[in-house]
Protein backbone atom coordinates (compact mmCIF):
# COMPACT_ATOMS: atom_id res chain seq x y z
CA MET A 1 -17.75 51.94 -9.94
CA LYS A 2 -14.20 50.62 -10.47
CA PRO A 3 -13.90 49.21 -6.89
CA MET A 4 -17.20 47.31 -7.47
CA LEU A 5 -15.88 45.82 -10.75
CA LEU A 6 -12.67 44.85 -8.98
CA LYS A 7 -14.60 43.03 -6.23
CA ILE A 8 -16.69 41.14 -8.82
CA SER A 9 -13.55 40.13 -10.75
CA ILE A 10 -11.86 38.86 -7.58
CA LEU A 11 -15.01 36.88 -6.65
CA VAL A 12 -15.23 35.26 -10.12
CA LEU A 13 -11.53 34.39 -10.01
CA THR A 14 -11.86 32.89 -6.52
CA LEU A 15 -14.84 30.74 -7.58
CA SER A 16 -12.97 29.60 -10.71
CA VAL A 17 -9.91 28.57 -8.70
CA PHE A 18 -12.12 26.78 -6.16
CA SER A 19 -13.94 24.83 -8.87
CA ILE A 20 -10.65 23.85 -10.55
CA HIS A 21 -9.24 22.48 -7.29
CA GLN A 22 -12.48 20.80 -6.24
CA PRO A 23 -11.75 17.04 -5.97
CA PRO A 24 -13.62 14.95 -8.58
CA VAL A 25 -16.68 13.02 -7.47
CA GLN A 26 -15.64 9.43 -6.86
CA GLU A 27 -17.14 6.99 -9.36
CA PHE A 28 -19.18 4.37 -7.54
CA GLN A 29 -17.80 0.86 -7.88
CA GLY A 30 -18.20 -2.41 -6.05
CA GLN A 31 -17.14 -6.03 -6.07
CA ALA A 32 -19.16 -9.05 -4.95
CA VAL A 33 -17.90 -12.61 -4.45
CA TYR A 34 -20.42 -15.42 -5.07
CA PHE A 35 -20.29 -19.08 -4.12
CA SER A 36 -22.27 -21.38 -6.40
CA LYS A 37 -23.48 -24.83 -5.37
CA THR A 38 -25.36 -27.32 -7.55
CA LYS A 39 -27.17 -30.37 -6.20
CA MET A 40 -26.16 -33.54 -8.03
CA ASP A 41 -29.13 -34.98 -9.92
CA LEU A 42 -28.69 -38.59 -11.02
CA GLY A 43 -32.26 -38.87 -12.25
CA ARG A 44 -33.53 -42.42 -12.78
CA TRP A 45 -29.98 -43.76 -12.44
CA GLY A 46 -29.78 -42.67 -8.80
CA ALA A 47 -31.43 -45.82 -7.45
CA ARG A 48 -28.60 -47.97 -8.86
CA PHE A 49 -25.93 -46.36 -6.67
CA SER A 50 -25.21 -46.79 -2.98
CA GLU A 51 -24.75 -43.75 -0.73
CA ALA A 52 -20.98 -44.38 -0.71
CA GLN A 53 -20.91 -44.40 -4.53
CA LYS A 54 -22.96 -41.19 -4.66
CA LYS A 55 -20.51 -39.55 -2.26
CA GLN A 56 -17.57 -40.61 -4.45
CA MET A 57 -19.26 -39.22 -7.55
CA LYS A 58 -20.00 -35.96 -5.76
CA GLU A 59 -16.32 -35.56 -4.82
CA ARG A 60 -15.27 -36.32 -8.39
CA LEU A 61 -17.69 -33.75 -9.77
CA LYS A 62 -16.89 -31.08 -7.17
CA SER A 63 -15.32 -28.79 -9.77
CA GLN A 64 -18.63 -28.66 -11.63
CA LEU A 65 -20.88 -28.57 -8.56
CA GLU A 66 -19.08 -25.88 -6.52
CA LYS A 67 -17.60 -22.70 -8.00
CA THR A 68 -16.52 -19.22 -6.92
CA TYR A 69 -17.30 -16.12 -9.00
CA ILE A 70 -16.54 -12.41 -8.88
CA LEU A 71 -18.83 -9.58 -10.01
CA THR A 72 -17.24 -6.14 -10.44
CA PHE A 73 -19.74 -3.36 -11.09
CA ASN A 74 -20.47 0.34 -11.32
CA LYS A 75 -23.80 2.11 -11.89
CA GLU A 76 -24.21 0.94 -15.50
CA GLU A 77 -21.71 -1.86 -16.18
CA SER A 78 -20.69 -5.16 -14.65
CA LEU A 79 -18.09 -7.85 -15.32
CA PHE A 80 -18.75 -11.39 -14.06
CA TYR A 81 -16.21 -14.20 -14.15
CA GLU A 82 -15.15 -17.39 -12.40
CA ASP A 83 -12.38 -17.03 -9.82
CA GLU A 84 -10.21 -19.81 -11.22
CA GLN A 85 -7.43 -19.08 -8.72
CA LEU A 86 -9.65 -19.93 -5.75
CA ASP A 87 -11.08 -22.96 -7.57
CA ALA A 88 -7.55 -24.23 -8.31
CA MET A 89 -6.58 -23.86 -4.64
CA SER A 90 -9.57 -26.00 -3.68
CA GLY A 91 -8.70 -28.60 -6.33
CA ALA A 92 -11.72 -27.69 -8.45
CA THR A 93 -10.45 -28.14 -12.00
CA ASN A 94 -12.05 -29.96 -14.89
CA SER A 95 -10.96 -29.54 -18.51
CA TRP A 96 -14.12 -31.15 -19.97
CA GLY A 97 -16.41 -28.97 -17.86
CA LYS A 98 -14.64 -25.79 -19.00
CA ASN A 99 -16.14 -26.25 -22.47
CA PHE A 100 -19.62 -25.73 -21.01
CA ALA A 101 -18.94 -23.17 -18.27
CA ALA A 102 -19.87 -19.49 -18.36
CA GLY A 103 -17.02 -17.35 -19.61
CA GLU A 104 -16.22 -13.75 -18.67
CA SER A 105 -19.47 -11.82 -19.08
CA TYR A 106 -19.85 -8.05 -19.53
CA LYS A 107 -23.25 -6.41 -19.09
CA ASN A 108 -24.30 -2.82 -19.72
CA VAL A 109 -27.77 -2.00 -18.41
CA LYS A 110 -27.83 1.40 -20.14
CA THR A 111 -27.24 0.01 -23.64
CA ASN A 112 -29.02 -3.33 -22.96
CA THR A 113 -25.90 -5.23 -24.05
CA GLN A 114 -24.26 -8.48 -22.99
CA ILE A 115 -20.86 -9.57 -24.32
CA GLN A 116 -19.51 -12.93 -23.19
CA ASP A 117 -16.21 -14.63 -23.89
CA GLN A 118 -16.62 -18.38 -24.52
CA GLU A 119 -14.03 -21.01 -25.36
CA PHE A 120 -15.24 -24.26 -26.88
CA TYR A 121 -12.72 -27.00 -27.71
CA GLY A 122 -9.90 -24.52 -28.21
CA LYS A 123 -11.89 -22.07 -30.35
CA GLN A 124 -12.64 -18.57 -29.05
CA PHE A 125 -16.11 -17.06 -29.42
CA LEU A 126 -17.37 -13.57 -28.60
CA VAL A 127 -21.07 -13.88 -27.84
CA LYS A 128 -22.87 -10.55 -28.33
CA ASP A 129 -26.56 -10.18 -27.57
CA LYS A 130 -29.20 -8.23 -25.70
CA LEU A 131 -29.59 -8.69 -21.96
CA GLN A 132 -31.89 -11.49 -20.89
CA ASP A 133 -35.49 -10.23 -20.75
CA ILE A 134 -36.70 -11.01 -17.22
CA GLN A 135 -40.22 -10.16 -16.04
CA TRP A 136 -39.71 -10.09 -12.28
CA THR A 137 -42.58 -10.49 -9.81
CA MET A 138 -41.80 -8.54 -6.66
CA GLY A 139 -42.52 -10.32 -3.39
CA LYS A 140 -43.14 -8.99 0.13
CA GLU A 141 -40.78 -11.38 1.90
CA SER A 142 -37.55 -10.00 3.31
CA ARG A 143 -34.48 -11.49 5.00
CA GLN A 144 -31.01 -10.50 6.08
CA ILE A 145 -28.01 -11.64 4.01
CA GLY A 146 -24.84 -10.56 5.77
CA ASN A 147 -25.19 -6.85 6.57
CA TYR A 148 -27.87 -6.24 3.96
CA MET A 149 -31.66 -6.36 4.09
CA CYS A 150 -32.88 -8.24 1.03
CA PHE A 151 -36.24 -8.65 -0.68
CA LYS A 152 -37.56 -11.54 -2.73
CA ALA A 153 -38.38 -11.51 -6.44
CA THR A 154 -39.35 -14.40 -8.72
CA ALA A 155 -39.49 -15.00 -12.45
CA ILE A 156 -40.21 -17.81 -14.90
CA ILE A 157 -37.68 -17.91 -17.74
CA PRO A 158 -37.29 -20.28 -20.73
CA THR A 159 -34.66 -22.80 -19.63
CA GLU A 160 -32.69 -22.62 -22.89
CA GLU A 161 -32.18 -18.88 -22.39
CA LEU A 162 -30.40 -19.55 -19.09
CA THR A 163 -28.34 -22.50 -20.35
CA TRP A 164 -27.26 -21.35 -23.83
CA TYR A 165 -23.56 -22.01 -23.08
CA THR A 166 -24.05 -25.45 -21.46
CA PHE A 167 -24.69 -28.92 -22.85
CA ASP A 168 -26.53 -32.00 -21.65
CA TRP A 169 -26.80 -35.29 -23.56
CA ASN A 170 -30.40 -35.58 -22.35
CA GLU A 171 -31.13 -32.23 -23.98
CA LEU A 172 -29.82 -33.54 -27.31
CA ARG A 173 -31.81 -36.78 -27.01
CA ASN A 174 -34.97 -34.84 -26.15
CA GLN A 175 -34.51 -32.55 -29.16
CA GLU A 176 -34.10 -35.52 -31.49
CA ARG A 177 -37.14 -37.29 -30.00
CA GLU A 178 -39.26 -34.14 -30.29
CA LYS A 179 -38.18 -33.70 -33.92
CA LYS A 180 -39.28 -37.27 -34.75
CA ILE A 181 -42.66 -36.68 -33.08
CA ALA A 182 -43.09 -33.36 -34.92
CA ASP A 183 -42.22 -34.97 -38.28
CA SER A 184 -44.72 -37.78 -37.62
CA LEU A 185 -47.49 -35.29 -36.81
CA ARG A 186 -46.76 -33.21 -39.90
CA ALA A 187 -46.88 -36.39 -42.02
CA ILE A 188 -50.52 -36.89 -41.03
CA GLY A 189 -51.39 -33.22 -41.49
CA GLU A 190 -51.21 -32.09 -37.86
CA GLU A 191 -49.13 -29.17 -36.64
CA PRO A 192 -47.11 -30.04 -33.50
CA LYS A 193 -47.52 -27.87 -30.41
CA GLU A 194 -44.23 -26.47 -29.22
CA GLU A 195 -43.66 -26.92 -25.49
CA ILE A 196 -41.01 -24.62 -24.07
CA PRO A 197 -39.32 -25.87 -20.87
CA MET A 198 -39.36 -23.13 -18.22
CA THR A 199 -37.27 -22.54 -15.10
CA MET A 200 -38.51 -20.90 -11.90
CA VAL A 201 -36.00 -18.38 -10.59
CA GLU A 202 -35.93 -16.98 -7.05
CA ALA A 203 -33.75 -13.95 -6.34
CA TRP A 204 -32.95 -11.87 -3.26
CA TYR A 205 -31.82 -8.29 -3.89
CA THR A 206 -30.82 -5.39 -1.63
CA PRO A 207 -31.93 -1.78 -2.27
CA GLN A 208 -29.01 -0.75 -0.02
CA ILE A 209 -26.80 -1.23 -3.10
CA PRO A 210 -28.95 0.52 -5.75
CA VAL A 211 -27.60 -1.08 -8.92
CA SER A 212 -29.57 -3.48 -11.13
CA HIS A 213 -26.77 -6.02 -11.54
CA GLY A 214 -26.50 -9.68 -10.60
CA PRO A 215 -24.59 -12.88 -11.39
CA LEU A 216 -24.86 -14.88 -14.63
CA GLU A 217 -27.88 -13.85 -16.75
CA TYR A 218 -29.68 -12.18 -13.85
CA TRP A 219 -30.26 -8.43 -13.57
CA GLY A 220 -33.04 -5.83 -13.63
CA LEU A 221 -34.00 -5.50 -9.96
CA PRO A 222 -33.87 -2.26 -7.90
CA GLY A 223 -30.80 -3.44 -6.03
CA LEU A 224 -27.85 -5.82 -6.31
CA ILE A 225 -28.86 -9.50 -6.40
CA LEU A 226 -27.15 -11.25 -3.47
CA GLU A 227 -28.72 -14.69 -3.87
CA VAL A 228 -30.37 -16.49 -6.78
CA SER A 229 -31.71 -20.03 -7.12
CA ALA A 230 -32.69 -21.72 -10.37
CA GLY A 231 -33.15 -25.45 -10.90
CA ASN A 232 -30.59 -27.34 -8.81
CA THR A 233 -28.21 -24.38 -8.44
CA THR A 234 -28.02 -21.70 -5.76
CA MET A 235 -25.62 -18.77 -5.95
CA LEU A 236 -24.96 -16.80 -2.75
CA CYS A 237 -22.91 -13.63 -2.25
CA SER A 238 -20.32 -14.19 0.48
CA LYS A 239 -18.42 -10.87 0.38
CA ILE A 240 -19.04 -7.30 -0.81
CA THR A 241 -16.52 -4.48 -1.17
CA LEU A 242 -17.85 -1.02 -2.04
CA ASN A 243 -15.65 1.72 -3.50
CA PRO A 244 -12.34 -0.18 -3.18
CA ALA A 245 -9.12 1.85 -2.97
CA GLU A 246 -7.91 0.31 -6.22
CA LYS A 247 -10.43 0.76 -9.00
CA VAL A 248 -10.86 -2.01 -11.55
CA LYS A 249 -11.43 -1.01 -15.16
CA ILE A 250 -14.60 -2.68 -16.42
CA GLU A 251 -14.07 -3.56 -20.06
CA PRO A 252 -15.95 -6.00 -22.31
CA PRO A 253 -14.14 -9.03 -23.77
CA SER A 254 -13.00 -8.35 -27.33
CA LYS A 255 -11.44 -11.51 -28.77
CA GLY A 256 -13.09 -14.30 -30.73
CA LYS A 257 -15.60 -14.96 -33.47
CA GLU A 258 -18.70 -12.79 -33.02
CA ILE A 259 -21.86 -14.81 -32.59
CA THR A 260 -25.30 -14.61 -30.90
CA LYS A 261 -26.47 -16.82 -28.01
CA LYS A 262 -28.72 -18.90 -30.29
CA GLU A 263 -25.95 -19.35 -32.84
CA TYR A 264 -23.53 -20.40 -30.10
CA LYS A 265 -25.98 -23.00 -28.77
CA LYS A 266 -26.43 -24.42 -32.29
CA THR A 267 -22.63 -24.61 -32.64
CA ILE A 268 -22.33 -26.63 -29.41
CA ILE A 269 -25.10 -29.07 -30.33
CA SER A 270 -23.74 -29.56 -33.86
CA LYS A 271 -20.25 -30.28 -32.52
CA MET A 272 -21.51 -32.73 -29.89
CA GLN A 273 -23.64 -34.55 -32.49
CA GLU A 274 -20.54 -34.83 -34.65
CA PHE A 275 -18.54 -36.07 -31.65
CA ARG A 276 -21.17 -38.72 -30.83
CA ASP A 277 -21.49 -39.89 -34.44
CA SER A 278 -17.71 -40.23 -34.86
CA ARG A 279 -17.50 -42.33 -31.69
CA GLY A 280 -20.32 -44.51 -32.99
CA ARG A 281 -18.49 -45.08 -36.29
CA ARG A 282 -15.28 -46.04 -34.46
CA ARG A 283 -17.14 -48.60 -32.37
CA ARG A 284 -18.74 -50.19 -35.43
CA SER A 285 -15.45 -50.40 -37.35
């Protein structure tokens, strides 16, 4: 009986030692580089400019029209930010545009959380909210992007939910015009119908990288989003590194005044109205 107990003890000890020295399972991590390009839209003013003038304007606005971004991700978290070093090397810098550019954005698909660092005219904000709710429609089309087979998905999303950190003077003018119309209708006893501008989004994702991350506000597909188009902007992944030798710690931004996306948008519009009104007063004086 004793020899049997001795054999069992040795076996348990051997298994314990083996499990202690077993190398830990490597945490999955990846990094994707995206190149973003926006088509310049001059609207009704376009007809006033020659092709040479349009080309000059495009060069001047290059920092806003072409950008490079990096997405670092694991199974549950991602960190998305502009690669300012590459943009600086290409001469793509614009202090005004920085006020309305996407800051460092942390997403956690497990907790349905987005935390984004935004700087607006020297003031730091920490925008905390839920992830953008996207109802994707899965398509049958497929295409190759680099070494990855991708599949198409589309969605229609309220425009303001994709552009909460940006600003456009036309947007402000439209809001003011719509408010006047709404006030006029209410004055005669009619309730105005709210029309919500929508944006069609087309995304290409790869199940070969089974994480539901993507650039900017986009996420929620059964694979990493390698290309996404919305409005005049297309964002394409140009490089992917999986399980790099040097791991990057994915941590959410933590500095700034806590605020929601809607509150941040109101802050921008209020400040720009104030800016416009002060300029108007200076001109009249």
